[in-house]
């Protein structure tokens, strides 16, 4: 199975910009893909984008591998998205790139916020029968 990256490469974005796109991967799963910089200036934009997704879904994959910067407000955004997913009874799975992993090593040294490294791994983790819990709140 191959899954295409939805957001444009970060190199094509203006400095400081954040590009967010979403797409339905299958009848139960929505992928939100972010590229560029996620910081205090635009963290709410990501939260609001996810909240505005009207399609019913039981799994939400948030792919942050395209980020070139992930500030501490990005953690706030991720926590808000996880909380909103719980209210919708959707399983959130975070796909982390190097910028996200770097900040999590500092701000989450015990690995409470679990991540996967690819969208394919996220699809497996989001299945109802998955025995792995990848995100703890």
N, C-alpha and C. Protein backbone atom coordinates (compact mmCIF):
# COMPACT_ATOMS: atom_id res chain seq x y z
N UNK A 1 0.85 -1.16 0.00
CA UNK A 1 0.00 0.00 0.00
C UNK A 1 0.89 1.22 0.00
N UNK A 2 0.58 2.20 -0.85
CA UNK A 2 1.33 3.45 -0.81
C UNK A 2 0.37 4.59 -0.52
N UNK A 3 0.84 5.52 0.25
CA UNK A 3 0.04 6.69 0.61
C UNK A 3 0.85 7.91 0.22
N UNK A 4 0.27 8.77 -0.63
CA UNK A 4 0.97 9.96 -1.08
C UNK A 4 0.90 11.05 -0.02
N UNK A 5 1.96 11.82 0.06
CA UNK A 5 1.98 12.98 0.96
C UNK A 5 1.11 14.05 0.35
N UNK A 6 0.15 14.57 1.09
CA UNK A 6 -0.81 15.52 0.55
C UNK A 6 -0.29 16.95 0.50
N UNK A 7 0.47 17.37 1.49
CA UNK A 7 0.93 18.76 1.53
C UNK A 7 2.15 18.92 0.64
N UNK A 8 2.35 20.13 0.09
CA UNK A 8 3.51 20.35 -0.76
C UNK A 8 4.80 20.30 0.06
N UNK A 9 5.92 20.06 -0.61
CA UNK A 9 7.18 20.08 0.14
C UNK A 9 7.38 21.42 0.81
N UNK A 10 7.94 21.39 2.00
CA UNK A 10 8.13 22.62 2.77
C UNK A 10 8.99 23.63 2.01
N UNK A 11 9.85 23.16 1.11
CA UNK A 11 10.71 24.07 0.37
C UNK A 11 9.92 25.01 -0.52
N UNK A 12 8.68 24.65 -0.87
CA UNK A 12 7.87 25.50 -1.75
C UNK A 12 7.03 26.51 -0.96
N UNK A 13 7.06 26.46 0.35
CA UNK A 13 6.29 27.39 1.17
C UNK A 13 7.12 28.60 1.52
N UNK A 14 6.45 29.73 1.72
CA UNK A 14 7.18 30.92 2.18
C UNK A 14 7.60 30.69 3.63
N UNK A 15 8.69 31.32 4.06
CA UNK A 15 9.16 31.14 5.45
C UNK A 15 8.06 31.48 6.46
N UNK A 16 7.91 30.63 7.45
CA UNK A 16 6.91 30.84 8.49
C UNK A 16 5.53 30.32 8.15
N UNK A 17 5.34 29.86 6.93
CA UNK A 17 4.01 29.42 6.50
C UNK A 17 3.71 28.00 6.97
N UNK A 18 2.43 27.74 7.10
CA UNK A 18 1.95 26.41 7.43
C UNK A 18 0.91 26.02 6.38
N UNK A 19 1.08 24.88 5.78
CA UNK A 19 0.12 24.37 4.80
C UNK A 19 -0.55 23.14 5.41
N UNK A 20 -1.88 23.15 5.45
CA UNK A 20 -2.64 22.04 6.03
C UNK A 20 -3.62 21.54 4.99
N UNK A 21 -3.64 20.24 4.80
CA UNK A 21 -4.61 19.62 3.90
C UNK A 21 -5.17 18.38 4.58
N UNK A 22 -6.37 18.03 4.17
CA UNK A 22 -6.94 16.79 4.69
C UNK A 22 -7.53 16.00 3.55
N UNK A 23 -7.59 14.71 3.75
CA UNK A 23 -8.21 13.82 2.76
C UNK A 23 -8.70 12.56 3.45
N UNK A 24 -9.70 11.97 2.88
CA UNK A 24 -10.22 10.71 3.40
C UNK A 24 -9.42 9.59 2.77
N UNK A 25 -8.82 8.75 3.61
CA UNK A 25 -8.02 7.64 3.11
C UNK A 25 -8.86 6.40 2.85
N UNK A 26 -9.89 6.23 3.65
CA UNK A 26 -10.82 5.12 3.48
C UNK A 26 -12.13 5.53 4.17
N UNK A 27 -13.14 4.70 4.18
CA UNK A 27 -14.43 5.13 4.75
C UNK A 27 -14.38 5.55 6.22
N UNK A 28 -13.36 5.14 6.96
CA UNK A 28 -13.34 5.46 8.39
C UNK A 28 -12.17 6.35 8.82
N UNK A 29 -11.28 6.68 7.90
CA UNK A 29 -10.04 7.36 8.28
C UNK A 29 -9.83 8.66 7.52
N UNK A 30 -9.50 9.71 8.27
CA UNK A 30 -9.14 11.00 7.69
C UNK A 30 -7.68 11.27 7.99
N UNK A 31 -6.96 11.74 6.97
CA UNK A 31 -5.56 12.12 7.12
C UNK A 31 -5.47 13.64 7.07
N UNK A 32 -4.83 14.22 8.07
CA UNK A 32 -4.52 15.65 8.08
C UNK A 32 -3.01 15.74 7.94
N UNK A 33 -2.58 16.50 6.94
CA UNK A 33 -1.17 16.59 6.61
C UNK A 33 -0.73 18.04 6.76
N UNK A 34 0.33 18.28 7.53
CA UNK A 34 0.82 19.63 7.75
C UNK A 34 2.27 19.73 7.28
N UNK A 35 2.58 20.85 6.61
CA UNK A 35 3.94 21.11 6.15
C UNK A 35 4.28 22.56 6.45
N UNK A 36 5.57 22.80 6.64
CA UNK A 36 6.02 24.16 6.93
C UNK A 36 6.39 24.30 8.39
N UNK A 37 6.01 25.44 8.97
CA UNK A 37 6.35 25.74 10.36
C UNK A 37 5.11 25.79 11.23
N UNK A 38 5.15 25.09 12.36
CA UNK A 38 4.04 25.09 13.32
C UNK A 38 4.55 25.74 14.60
N UNK A 39 4.01 26.93 14.89
CA UNK A 39 4.48 27.70 16.05
C UNK A 39 3.32 28.47 16.65
N UNK A 40 3.63 29.38 17.55
CA UNK A 40 2.59 30.15 18.25
C UNK A 40 1.73 30.96 17.29
N UNK A 41 2.28 31.35 16.17
CA UNK A 41 1.53 32.19 15.23
C UNK A 41 0.44 31.42 14.49
N UNK A 42 0.58 30.10 14.38
CA UNK A 42 -0.39 29.36 13.56
C UNK A 42 -0.88 28.04 14.17
N UNK A 43 -0.56 27.77 15.41
CA UNK A 43 -0.99 26.51 16.04
C UNK A 43 -2.51 26.40 16.06
N UNK A 44 -3.19 27.51 16.35
CA UNK A 44 -4.65 27.49 16.38
C UNK A 44 -5.21 27.15 15.00
N UNK A 45 -4.52 27.55 13.94
CA UNK A 45 -4.97 27.25 12.58
C UNK A 45 -5.08 25.73 12.38
N UNK A 46 -4.11 24.98 12.87
CA UNK A 46 -4.15 23.52 12.75
C UNK A 46 -5.32 22.95 13.57
N UNK A 47 -5.47 23.42 14.80
CA UNK A 47 -6.56 22.95 15.66
C UNK A 47 -7.91 23.24 15.01
N UNK A 48 -8.08 24.45 14.51
CA UNK A 48 -9.35 24.84 13.88
C UNK A 48 -9.61 24.04 12.60
N UNK A 49 -8.57 23.76 11.84
CA UNK A 49 -8.72 22.97 10.62
C UNK A 49 -9.25 21.58 10.95
N UNK A 50 -8.65 20.95 11.94
CA UNK A 50 -9.08 19.61 12.33
C UNK A 50 -10.51 19.65 12.87
N UNK A 51 -10.83 20.67 13.68
CA UNK A 51 -12.17 20.77 14.25
C UNK A 51 -13.24 20.98 13.18
N UNK A 52 -12.85 21.57 12.05
CA UNK A 52 -13.81 21.86 10.99
C UNK A 52 -14.09 20.67 10.07
N UNK A 53 -13.39 19.57 10.26
CA UNK A 53 -13.64 18.38 9.43
C UNK A 53 -14.99 17.80 9.81
N UNK A 54 -15.91 17.84 8.88
CA UNK A 54 -17.28 17.40 9.14
C UNK A 54 -17.51 15.92 8.86
N UNK A 55 -16.67 15.34 8.02
CA UNK A 55 -16.87 13.94 7.67
C UNK A 55 -16.77 13.06 8.90
N UNK A 56 -17.75 12.18 9.10
CA UNK A 56 -17.63 11.25 10.23
C UNK A 56 -16.44 10.32 10.00
N UNK A 57 -15.69 10.11 11.05
CA UNK A 57 -14.53 9.22 10.96
C UNK A 57 -14.26 8.61 12.32
N UNK A 58 -13.68 7.42 12.28
CA UNK A 58 -13.33 6.76 13.54
C UNK A 58 -11.83 6.78 13.78
N UNK A 59 -11.07 7.26 12.79
CA UNK A 59 -9.61 7.38 12.95
C UNK A 59 -9.15 8.68 12.33
N UNK A 60 -8.25 9.35 13.02
CA UNK A 60 -7.66 10.59 12.54
C UNK A 60 -6.15 10.45 12.57
N UNK A 61 -5.55 10.53 11.39
CA UNK A 61 -4.09 10.47 11.29
C UNK A 61 -3.59 11.89 11.05
N UNK A 62 -2.70 12.35 11.91
CA UNK A 62 -2.12 13.68 11.78
C UNK A 62 -0.66 13.49 11.39
N UNK A 63 -0.35 13.81 10.14
CA UNK A 63 0.99 13.61 9.60
C UNK A 63 1.76 14.92 9.69
N UNK A 64 2.76 14.95 10.56
CA UNK A 64 3.56 16.15 10.79
C UNK A 64 4.98 16.00 10.25
N UNK A 65 5.20 15.03 9.40
CA UNK A 65 6.56 14.81 8.87
C UNK A 65 7.02 15.95 7.98
N UNK A 66 6.10 16.71 7.41
CA UNK A 66 6.47 17.80 6.52
C UNK A 66 6.84 19.09 7.22
N UNK A 67 6.83 19.07 8.55
CA UNK A 67 7.16 20.29 9.29
C UNK A 67 8.67 20.54 9.30
N UNK A 68 9.04 21.80 9.07
CA UNK A 68 10.45 22.20 9.16
C UNK A 68 10.73 22.85 10.51
N UNK A 69 9.67 23.20 11.24
CA UNK A 69 9.80 23.75 12.59
C UNK A 69 8.57 23.33 13.38
N UNK A 70 8.79 22.90 14.63
CA UNK A 70 7.70 22.48 15.51
C UNK A 70 7.98 23.09 16.87
N UNK A 71 7.30 24.20 17.19
CA UNK A 71 7.50 24.89 18.46
C UNK A 71 6.64 24.28 19.56
N UNK A 72 6.83 24.78 20.75
CA UNK A 72 6.09 24.24 21.89
C UNK A 72 4.58 24.42 21.73
N UNK A 73 4.15 25.45 21.02
CA UNK A 73 2.72 25.60 20.77
C UNK A 73 2.19 24.47 19.90
N UNK A 74 3.07 23.82 19.16
CA UNK A 74 2.67 22.64 18.39
C UNK A 74 2.21 21.52 19.31
N UNK A 75 2.87 21.40 20.48
CA UNK A 75 2.42 20.40 21.46
C UNK A 75 1.03 20.73 21.97
N UNK A 76 0.77 22.02 22.20
CA UNK A 76 -0.56 22.44 22.61
C UNK A 76 -1.57 22.03 21.55
N UNK A 77 -1.25 22.28 20.28
CA UNK A 77 -2.16 21.93 19.18
C UNK A 77 -2.41 20.43 19.13
N UNK A 78 -1.36 19.64 19.27
CA UNK A 78 -1.50 18.18 19.24
C UNK A 78 -2.39 17.72 20.39
N UNK A 79 -2.19 18.25 21.58
CA UNK A 79 -3.03 17.85 22.71
C UNK A 79 -4.48 18.24 22.50
N UNK A 80 -4.74 19.40 21.93
CA UNK A 80 -6.12 19.81 21.63
C UNK A 80 -6.75 18.88 20.60
N UNK A 81 -5.99 18.50 19.59
CA UNK A 81 -6.50 17.59 18.56
C UNK A 81 -6.81 16.22 19.16
N UNK A 82 -5.95 15.74 20.04
CA UNK A 82 -6.19 14.45 20.70
C UNK A 82 -7.46 14.52 21.55
N UNK A 83 -7.63 15.60 22.29
CA UNK A 83 -8.82 15.76 23.13
C UNK A 83 -10.08 15.84 22.27
N UNK A 84 -10.02 16.57 21.18
CA UNK A 84 -11.18 16.68 20.29
C UNK A 84 -11.51 15.34 19.65
N UNK A 85 -10.49 14.57 19.31
CA UNK A 85 -10.72 13.23 18.75
C UNK A 85 -11.41 12.33 19.75
N UNK A 86 -11.02 12.42 21.00
CA UNK A 86 -11.66 11.60 22.04
C UNK A 86 -13.14 11.94 22.15
N UNK A 87 -13.48 13.22 22.06
CA UNK A 87 -14.90 13.62 22.12
C UNK A 87 -15.68 13.08 20.94
N UNK A 88 -15.02 12.93 19.81
CA UNK A 88 -15.67 12.39 18.60
C UNK A 88 -15.61 10.87 18.54
N UNK A 89 -14.99 10.25 19.55
CA UNK A 89 -14.79 8.80 19.59
C UNK A 89 -13.97 8.33 18.40
N UNK A 90 -12.98 9.14 18.03
CA UNK A 90 -12.07 8.80 16.95
C UNK A 90 -10.70 8.50 17.54
N UNK A 91 -10.00 7.57 16.93
CA UNK A 91 -8.66 7.22 17.36
C UNK A 91 -7.66 8.13 16.66
N UNK A 92 -6.93 8.96 17.42
CA UNK A 92 -5.93 9.81 16.79
C UNK A 92 -4.57 9.10 16.75
N UNK A 93 -3.87 9.26 15.64
CA UNK A 93 -2.52 8.71 15.52
C UNK A 93 -1.63 9.81 14.96
N UNK A 94 -0.53 10.06 15.60
CA UNK A 94 0.40 11.11 15.22
C UNK A 94 1.59 10.51 14.47
N UNK A 95 1.83 11.00 13.25
CA UNK A 95 2.99 10.60 12.47
C UNK A 95 4.02 11.70 12.64
N UNK A 96 5.13 11.38 13.28
CA UNK A 96 6.13 12.39 13.64
C UNK A 96 7.35 12.33 12.74
N UNK A 97 7.78 13.52 12.34
CA UNK A 97 9.04 13.67 11.61
C UNK A 97 10.12 14.11 12.57
N UNK A 98 11.29 14.46 12.05
CA UNK A 98 12.42 14.82 12.91
C UNK A 98 12.16 16.02 13.81
N UNK A 99 11.46 17.04 13.31
CA UNK A 99 11.21 18.23 14.13
C UNK A 99 10.32 17.91 15.34
N UNK A 100 9.31 17.09 15.12
CA UNK A 100 8.40 16.71 16.20
C UNK A 100 9.13 15.81 17.19
N UNK A 101 9.85 14.83 16.68
CA UNK A 101 10.59 13.92 17.58
C UNK A 101 11.61 14.68 18.43
N UNK A 102 12.26 15.68 17.84
CA UNK A 102 13.25 16.47 18.58
C UNK A 102 12.59 17.14 19.79
N UNK A 103 11.45 17.78 19.57
CA UNK A 103 10.78 18.47 20.67
C UNK A 103 10.22 17.47 21.69
N UNK A 104 9.73 16.33 21.22
CA UNK A 104 9.20 15.33 22.15
C UNK A 104 10.31 14.74 23.03
N UNK A 105 11.53 14.62 22.51
CA UNK A 105 12.64 14.13 23.34
C UNK A 105 12.88 15.08 24.52
N UNK A 106 12.63 16.37 24.30
CA UNK A 106 12.85 17.36 25.35
C UNK A 106 11.63 17.49 26.26
N UNK A 107 10.46 17.63 25.66
CA UNK A 107 9.24 17.94 26.43
C UNK A 107 8.47 16.71 26.88
N UNK A 108 8.77 15.55 26.32
CA UNK A 108 8.07 14.32 26.68
C UNK A 108 9.10 13.19 26.78
N UNK A 109 10.07 13.31 27.70
CA UNK A 109 11.17 12.34 27.74
C UNK A 109 10.73 10.92 28.11
N UNK A 110 9.57 10.78 28.73
CA UNK A 110 9.10 9.45 29.11
C UNK A 110 8.22 8.81 28.04
N UNK A 111 7.99 9.51 26.93
CA UNK A 111 7.26 8.93 25.82
C UNK A 111 5.79 8.72 26.06
N UNK A 112 5.17 9.60 26.82
CA UNK A 112 3.73 9.49 27.07
C UNK A 112 2.96 9.69 25.77
N UNK A 113 3.39 10.65 24.97
CA UNK A 113 2.77 10.90 23.67
C UNK A 113 3.47 10.02 22.65
N UNK A 114 2.83 8.95 22.28
CA UNK A 114 3.43 7.98 21.38
C UNK A 114 3.17 8.38 19.93
N UNK A 115 4.14 8.07 19.07
CA UNK A 115 4.03 8.40 17.66
C UNK A 115 4.41 7.20 16.81
N UNK A 116 4.11 7.31 15.52
CA UNK A 116 4.56 6.34 14.53
C UNK A 116 5.37 7.11 13.49
N UNK A 117 6.07 6.38 12.62
CA UNK A 117 6.95 7.05 11.67
C UNK A 117 6.43 7.10 10.24
N UNK A 118 5.29 6.47 9.96
CA UNK A 118 4.76 6.51 8.60
C UNK A 118 3.23 6.46 8.63
N UNK A 119 2.63 6.88 7.53
CA UNK A 119 1.17 6.83 7.42
C UNK A 119 0.70 5.38 7.38
N UNK A 120 1.48 4.51 6.77
CA UNK A 120 1.12 3.09 6.74
C UNK A 120 1.06 2.53 8.16
N UNK A 121 2.07 2.86 8.98
CA UNK A 121 2.05 2.43 10.39
C UNK A 121 0.84 3.03 11.11
N UNK A 122 0.50 4.26 10.78
CA UNK A 122 -0.66 4.92 11.41
C UNK A 122 -1.96 4.22 11.04
N UNK A 123 -2.07 3.79 9.79
CA UNK A 123 -3.28 3.06 9.36
C UNK A 123 -3.42 1.76 10.16
N UNK A 124 -2.31 1.07 10.36
CA UNK A 124 -2.34 -0.17 11.14
C UNK A 124 -2.73 0.14 12.58
N UNK A 125 -2.11 1.17 13.15
CA UNK A 125 -2.37 1.53 14.55
C UNK A 125 -3.78 2.03 14.79
N UNK A 126 -4.42 2.57 13.76
CA UNK A 126 -5.76 3.14 13.94
C UNK A 126 -6.87 2.11 13.82
N UNK A 127 -6.53 0.90 13.44
CA UNK A 127 -7.56 -0.14 13.33
C UNK A 127 -8.11 -0.49 14.70
N UNK A 128 -9.41 -0.73 14.79
CA UNK A 128 -10.02 -1.03 16.09
C UNK A 128 -9.40 -2.22 16.81
N UNK A 129 -8.89 -3.19 16.08
CA UNK A 129 -8.33 -4.39 16.69
C UNK A 129 -6.85 -4.24 17.03
N UNK A 130 -6.29 -3.06 16.79
CA UNK A 130 -4.87 -2.86 17.06
C UNK A 130 -4.59 -3.08 18.54
N UNK A 131 -3.56 -3.85 18.83
CA UNK A 131 -3.22 -4.14 20.23
C UNK A 131 -2.27 -3.10 20.79
N UNK A 132 -1.74 -2.22 19.95
CA UNK A 132 -0.82 -1.19 20.40
C UNK A 132 -1.55 0.10 20.67
N UNK A 133 -1.31 0.70 21.79
CA UNK A 133 -1.82 2.02 22.10
C UNK A 133 -0.72 3.01 21.77
N UNK A 134 -0.95 3.85 20.74
CA UNK A 134 0.11 4.71 20.27
C UNK A 134 0.02 6.12 20.80
N UNK A 135 -1.11 6.50 21.34
CA UNK A 135 -1.22 7.83 21.91
C UNK A 135 -1.92 7.72 23.24
N UNK A 136 -1.27 8.22 24.26
CA UNK A 136 -1.86 8.26 25.60
C UNK A 136 -2.10 9.71 25.94
N UNK A 137 -3.20 10.01 26.56
CA UNK A 137 -3.46 11.38 27.01
C UNK A 137 -3.55 11.39 28.50
